[in-house]
Amino acid sequence: MINKQAGAALFASLIVLLVVSILALNAARSSALEMLIATNQQNSVQALANGEDSLLFGERLVVADHTLGGPSFNFEDDSTDGLYLAAGVDPETADWSAIATENVTVAGGGPVTNRFVIEYMGTSSATGGSLAVGAGGGAQMRHLYRITGLGVGSKGTVRLVQSVFATR
């Protein structure tokens, strides 16, 4: 006599194998997606760090210029060296490959992709000052600068970092 349930074990094992295969494919897809997300996040963080380095380089350049006796840069509306008047360029909407910028050289060599622009925004009188004994509290003239740093990650991710910087 032939048993009517002789093929049921084979059919059940094929269904279990199909379910396990579907679960394995979904796990592989999820793993690949997580890898892409982690890579994009790493590139974004690298671009932000490069932008902050560019910004810091620009701020140090302004401080060094003022340490030597006041603003001596030549700021223009149509600059050729990345030093603009406030109305000369809008760094947020400008094509960074077409405008003049200061380049930040990378220690390891390679292409220069990190740049910055310094905009002179004029002077402003700032009241207050130091709370130290004997320090004057009257109005002081400050030179205002807007510095925008552009950082590029290894996969072409771009980040703009901007600060407003005041010096005496």
Protein backbone atom coordinates (compact mmCIF):
# COMPACT_ATOMS: atom_id res chain seq x y z
CA MET A 1 0.00 0.00 0.00
CA ILE A 2 1.13 3.47 -0.85
CA ASN A 3 0.89 6.05 1.92
CA LYS A 4 -1.04 9.18 0.85
CA GLN A 5 1.24 11.44 2.93
CA ALA A 6 4.54 10.30 1.44
CA GLY A 7 5.23 13.67 -0.34
CA ALA A 8 4.07 15.94 2.51
CA ALA A 9 7.48 16.07 4.22
CA LEU A 10 9.15 17.09 0.97
CA PHE A 11 6.57 19.81 0.34
CA ALA A 12 6.88 21.15 3.93
CA SER A 13 10.68 21.24 3.72
CA LEU A 14 10.49 23.15 0.41
CA ILE A 15 8.19 25.75 1.98
CA VAL A 16 10.57 26.15 4.94
CA LEU A 17 13.52 26.48 2.55
CA LEU A 18 11.65 29.16 0.57
CA VAL A 19 10.88 31.16 3.74
CA VAL A 20 14.51 30.94 4.94
CA SER A 21 15.75 32.07 1.49
CA ILE A 22 13.43 35.10 1.52
CA LEU A 23 14.63 36.04 5.02
CA ALA A 24 18.28 35.72 3.94
CA LEU A 25 17.71 37.95 0.88
CA ASN A 26 16.02 40.62 3.02
CA ALA A 27 18.90 40.51 5.50
CA ALA A 28 21.43 40.95 2.68
CA ARG A 29 19.50 43.93 1.25
CA SER A 30 19.23 45.51 4.69
CA SER A 31 22.95 45.06 5.29
CA ALA A 32 23.82 46.68 1.94
CA LEU A 33 21.50 49.62 2.67
CA GLU A 34 23.04 50.12 6.11
CA MET A 35 26.50 50.13 4.52
CA LEU A 36 25.43 52.86 2.07
CA ILE A 37 23.95 54.93 4.88
CA ALA A 38 27.13 54.61 6.97
CA THR A 39 29.33 55.54 3.98
CA ASN A 40 27.22 58.62 3.21
CA GLN A 41 27.32 59.68 6.85
CA GLN A 42 31.11 59.29 6.92
CA ASN A 43 31.47 61.41 3.76
CA SER A 44 29.18 64.07 5.21
CA VAL A 45 31.19 64.24 8.45
CA GLN A 46 34.45 64.42 6.47
CA ALA A 47 33.11 67.28 4.31
CA LEU A 48 31.94 69.16 7.42
CA ALA A 49 35.35 68.73 9.07
CA ASN A 50 37.07 70.00 5.91
CA GLY A 51 34.71 72.99 5.81
CA GLU A 52 35.48 73.79 9.43
CA ASP A 53 39.22 73.54 8.69
CA SER A 54 38.79 76.00 5.81
CA LEU A 55 36.81 78.35 8.05
CA LEU A 56 39.44 78.17 10.79
CA PHE A 57 42.18 78.87 8.25
CA GLY A 58 40.29 82.00 7.11
CA GLU A 59 39.76 83.18 10.68
CA ARG A 60 43.46 82.74 11.45
CA LEU A 61 44.33 84.74 8.35
CA VAL A 62 42.12 87.63 9.53
CA VAL A 63 43.59 87.50 13.05
CA ALA A 64 47.14 87.48 11.66
CA ASP A 65 46.30 90.48 9.46
CA HIS A 66 44.97 92.45 12.44
CA THR A 67 47.90 91.43 14.64
CA LEU A 68 50.17 93.16 12.14
CA GLY A 69 48.44 96.50 12.72
CA GLY A 70 44.93 96.54 11.35
CA PRO A 71 43.15 95.48 8.20
CA SER A 72 45.49 95.58 5.25
CA PHE A 73 43.63 93.28 2.86
CA ASN A 74 42.30 94.72 -0.38
CA PHE A 75 38.59 93.83 -0.42
CA GLU A 76 36.78 94.30 -3.75
CA ASP A 77 33.35 93.58 -5.24
CA ASP A 78 34.99 91.62 -8.05
CA SER A 79 37.85 89.93 -6.23
CA THR A 80 40.57 87.81 -7.73
CA ASP A 81 41.86 86.42 -4.43
CA GLY A 82 38.78 85.48 -2.39
CA LEU A 83 38.61 88.77 -0.44
CA TYR A 84 35.25 90.40 -1.17
CA LEU A 85 33.18 93.30 0.05
CA ALA A 86 29.91 92.12 1.60
CA ALA A 87 27.88 92.80 -1.56
CA GLY A 88 30.49 91.31 -3.88
CA VAL A 89 29.47 87.65 -3.74
CA ASP A 90 26.90 85.44 -2.06
CA PRO A 91 28.86 82.33 -1.05
CA GLU A 92 25.71 80.31 -0.43
CA THR A 93 24.45 80.58 -4.02
CA ALA A 94 27.70 81.20 -5.90
CA ASP A 95 29.33 78.66 -8.19
CA TRP A 96 32.49 77.94 -6.20
CA SER A 97 34.33 76.77 -9.30
CA ALA A 98 33.74 80.16 -10.95
CA ILE A 99 34.46 82.63 -8.12
CA ALA A 100 37.87 83.54 -6.76
CA THR A 101 38.61 81.79 -3.48
CA GLU A 102 41.49 81.20 -1.13
CA ASN A 103 42.58 77.57 -1.33
CA VAL A 104 43.53 75.47 1.67
CA THR A 105 46.45 73.23 0.84
CA VAL A 106 46.23 69.69 2.14
CA ALA A 107 49.28 68.35 3.97
CA GLY A 108 49.26 65.04 2.09
CA GLY A 109 49.18 66.68 -1.32
CA GLY A 110 46.46 65.80 -3.78
CA PRO A 111 43.83 68.06 -5.31
CA VAL A 112 42.85 71.22 -3.47
CA THR A 113 39.13 71.08 -2.84
CA ASN A 114 38.76 73.02 0.41
CA ARG A 115 38.32 76.74 -0.09
CA PHE A 116 37.17 79.81 1.77
CA VAL A 117 35.95 83.33 1.06
CA ILE A 118 36.40 86.32 3.37
CA GLU A 119 33.86 89.14 3.08
CA TYR A 120 34.50 92.49 4.74
CA MET A 121 31.20 93.73 6.18
CA GLY A 122 32.41 97.11 7.43
CA THR A 123 32.81 98.48 10.92
CA SER A 124 30.49 98.46 13.87
CA SER A 125 30.71 100.11 17.24
CA ALA A 126 30.48 97.55 20.00
CA THR A 127 29.60 98.67 23.49
CA GLY A 128 30.78 96.85 26.55
CA GLY A 129 34.06 95.09 26.73
CA SER A 130 36.15 93.49 29.40
CA LEU A 131 35.07 93.24 33.00
CA ALA A 132 38.69 93.41 34.11
CA VAL A 133 39.67 96.16 36.52
CA GLY A 134 40.91 99.20 34.63
CA ALA A 135 39.55 98.08 31.26
CA GLY A 136 37.52 100.64 29.37
CA GLY A 137 33.85 99.99 28.85
CA GLY A 138 33.22 102.55 26.13
CA ALA A 139 32.27 101.94 22.53
CA GLN A 140 34.97 100.33 20.41
CA MET A 141 35.13 100.08 16.65
CA ARG A 142 35.13 96.52 15.39
CA HIS A 143 35.82 95.26 11.89
CA LEU A 144 33.25 92.64 10.85
CA TYR A 145 34.01 89.76 8.50
CA ARG A 146 31.88 86.94 7.20
CA ILE A 147 34.02 83.91 6.47
CA THR A 148 32.60 81.00 4.50
CA GLY A 149 34.46 77.71 4.26
CA LEU A 150 33.75 75.05 1.67
CA GLY A 151 34.61 71.46 2.52
CA VAL A 152 34.45 68.51 0.16
CA GLY A 153 34.32 64.87 1.23
CA SER A 154 36.05 61.98 -0.50
CA LYS A 155 32.93 61.13 -2.54
CA GLY A 156 32.14 64.72 -3.54
CA THR A 157 29.89 65.60 -0.61
CA VAL A 158 29.93 69.39 -0.13
CA ARG A 159 29.39 71.34 3.09
CA LEU A 160 29.43 75.13 3.61
CA VAL A 161 30.35 76.48 7.04
CA GLN A 162 29.98 80.18 7.78
CA SER A 163 30.85 82.48 10.67
CA VAL A 164 30.71 86.19 11.37
CA PHE A 165 33.99 87.31 12.88
CA ALA A 166 34.81 90.60 14.61
CA THR A 167 38.23 92.11 15.30
CA ARG A 168 39.35 95.36 16.85
